[in-house]
Amino acid sequence: MEMLRMTGISKAFFGVTVLDNVDFAVEQGEVHALLGENGAGKSTLMNILAGVYTRDKGSVVFEGKDMGHITVQASEQAGIAFVQLWLTRRKEVNQ
């Protein structure tokens, strides 16, 4: 069963396109990791899902319900959460 579908997601900041027509889907029980270079749009895509950023284009359907305009509150109420991990050198952590 499909749990999440993000279709045609686009986002630009100050005229710079960071996401261009991105599709992403997750079936119930699946675990996904988004990997890519700095600036690839991974965090932006998840921040759109979490309601931190608004998308310029596209749609988000979660558990069969069109999320429309997503806010942080609406995302939390729907049970949407993601874990953002940063890899850093130990020396930097101790400073």
Protein backbone atom coordinates (compact mmCIF):
# COMPACT_ATOMS: atom_id res chain seq x y z
CA MET A 1 0.00 0.00 0.00
CA GLU A 2 1.36 3.40 -0.93
CA MET A 3 1.94 5.59 2.12
CA LEU A 4 3.46 8.70 0.48
CA ARG A 5 3.53 10.11 -3.02
CA MET A 6 5.20 13.40 -3.90
CA THR A 7 4.61 14.25 -7.56
CA GLY A 8 6.12 17.00 -9.70
CA ILE A 9 7.65 18.83 -6.74
CA SER A 10 9.44 22.02 -7.74
CA LYS A 11 11.03 24.68 -5.56
CA ALA A 12 13.20 27.72 -6.24
CA PHE A 13 14.89 30.14 -3.86
CA PHE A 14 15.48 33.67 -5.17
CA GLY A 15 15.15 32.46 -8.77
CA VAL A 16 17.50 29.48 -8.31
CA THR A 17 15.77 26.15 -8.95
CA VAL A 18 16.67 23.58 -6.31
CA LEU A 19 13.98 20.99 -7.10
CA ASP A 20 12.63 20.52 -10.62
CA ASN A 21 9.66 18.18 -11.12
CA VAL A 22 10.74 15.62 -8.48
CA ASP A 23 8.71 12.45 -7.87
CA PHE A 24 9.12 10.39 -4.69
CA ALA A 25 6.99 7.52 -3.40
CA VAL A 26 7.12 5.26 -0.35
CA GLU A 27 5.16 2.06 0.19
CA GLN A 28 4.04 1.11 3.69
CA GLY A 29 6.86 -0.69 5.53
CA GLU A 30 9.64 0.63 3.30
CA VAL A 31 12.65 2.57 4.54
CA HIS A 32 14.37 5.05 2.23
CA ALA A 33 17.53 7.11 2.42
CA LEU A 34 18.05 10.20 0.28
CA LEU A 35 21.66 10.49 -0.80
CA GLY A 36 23.36 13.09 -2.93
CA GLU A 37 25.86 15.87 -3.13
CA ASN A 38 25.53 19.11 -1.20
CA GLY A 39 22.87 21.23 -2.84
CA ALA A 40 21.10 18.29 -4.49
CA GLY A 41 17.80 19.15 -2.80
CA LYS A 42 17.48 16.32 -0.26
CA SER A 43 16.79 18.54 2.73
CA THR A 44 14.55 20.83 0.71
CA LEU A 45 12.36 17.90 -0.37
CA MET A 46 11.98 16.68 3.22
CA ASN A 47 11.40 20.22 4.51
CA ILE A 48 8.55 20.55 2.01
CA LEU A 49 7.06 17.30 3.32
CA ALA A 50 7.45 18.55 6.91
CA GLY A 51 5.83 21.90 6.11
CA VAL A 52 8.94 23.96 6.76
CA TYR A 53 9.05 25.15 3.10
CA THR A 54 6.16 25.56 0.69
CA ARG A 55 6.45 23.91 -2.71
CA ASP A 56 6.15 26.02 -5.84
CA LYS A 57 4.56 23.18 -7.85
CA GLY A 58 3.48 19.61 -7.36
CA SER A 59 1.34 17.57 -5.01
CA VAL A 60 1.79 15.55 -1.84
CA VAL A 61 -0.51 12.66 -0.94
CA PHE A 62 -0.01 11.00 2.45
CA GLU A 63 -1.99 7.88 3.37
CA GLY A 64 -4.37 8.57 0.49
CA LYS A 65 -5.10 12.16 1.53
CA ASP A 66 -4.04 15.18 -0.54
CA MET A 67 -2.04 17.32 1.87
CA GLY A 68 -2.77 20.57 0.02
CA HIS A 69 -0.85 23.43 1.64
CA ILE A 70 1.37 21.69 4.20
CA THR A 71 2.19 23.44 7.45
CA VAL A 72 4.45 22.13 10.20
CA GLN A 73 1.36 21.64 12.37
CA ALA A 74 -0.51 19.71 9.64
CA SER A 75 2.54 17.55 9.01
CA GLU A 76 2.91 16.73 12.71
CA GLN A 77 -0.82 15.98 13.06
CA ALA A 78 -0.59 13.58 10.10
CA GLY A 79 2.29 11.78 11.86
CA ILE A 80 4.95 12.80 9.34
CA ALA A 81 8.50 12.88 10.70
CA PHE A 82 11.97 12.50 9.30
CA VAL A 83 15.41 12.17 10.81
CA GLN A 84 18.15 14.35 9.40
CA LEU A 85 21.65 13.10 10.14
CA TRP A 86 24.90 14.96 9.71
CA LEU A 87 28.23 13.26 9.37
CA THR A 88 31.01 15.29 10.90
CA ARG A 89 34.52 14.78 12.17
CA ARG A 90 34.88 14.06 15.87
CA LYS A 91 37.25 17.00 16.31
CA GLU A 92 34.48 19.40 15.20
CA VAL A 93 31.96 17.88 17.61
CA ASN A 94 34.23 18.45 20.60
CA GLN A 95 34.87 22.11 19.84
